[in-house]
């Protein structure tokens, strides 16, 4: 029915298409193939398309620009990469990305991000960016692929999910839950420990939840 509806719309040569969650009732395989059809249709017709979805995979793969909304309010407008790489606030950071971003409450102290379970070194850029937050608590976000093997932070493994080209390692750092996305095939078991470090970090103001920028 989705294909028929798109065909009827195409023959009318509209300047703007409106898709309201067109793939929500399809199974995973058909959803993937239909998503590719919509992408090719967009390229071929060179028409404006407004696409409403709760599925971030659809948003990230189809969009030239995304409007991320919550409770009727715009949270951020930008390219898929901008929303993923530089989220404007905690909502966007937690909503965009699968698995979601790991979040920790840390105190900025002497050029480090400190919590009870670990201390993360800050880069020179991060130190400058957080200069006004010395002695204050902020929220630090780390995407799963940015928690990399090797370092001083100890993860207690809960589960190990092999996905072929990478592995999701779910665990805890003290009281904090964490998901790490390693490139290699791993065979960790429940109760194992693995040392990690964070090669990229995001910081958010605790009161406003907005991203802290330089």
Foldseek 3Di string as FASTA:
>chain_A
DLVVVVVVVVVVLDQEAEAEPSCPPPDPVVSVVVLVVVQVVCVVSVHHYHYHDLDLVSVLPRDQKDFDDDPRHTQDIGHSCCLDVPNFFPVSQQSHDVVGWFKDKFAAEPQWTDDPQDIAHDDPQVCVLCVVRHGHIWMKTAHQAQWEFDDDQKWQFADWADDDQWIWTWTARVPGTGIHIGRDRDDDDHGDMTHTHGPDMWIAGPPVRTTRDD
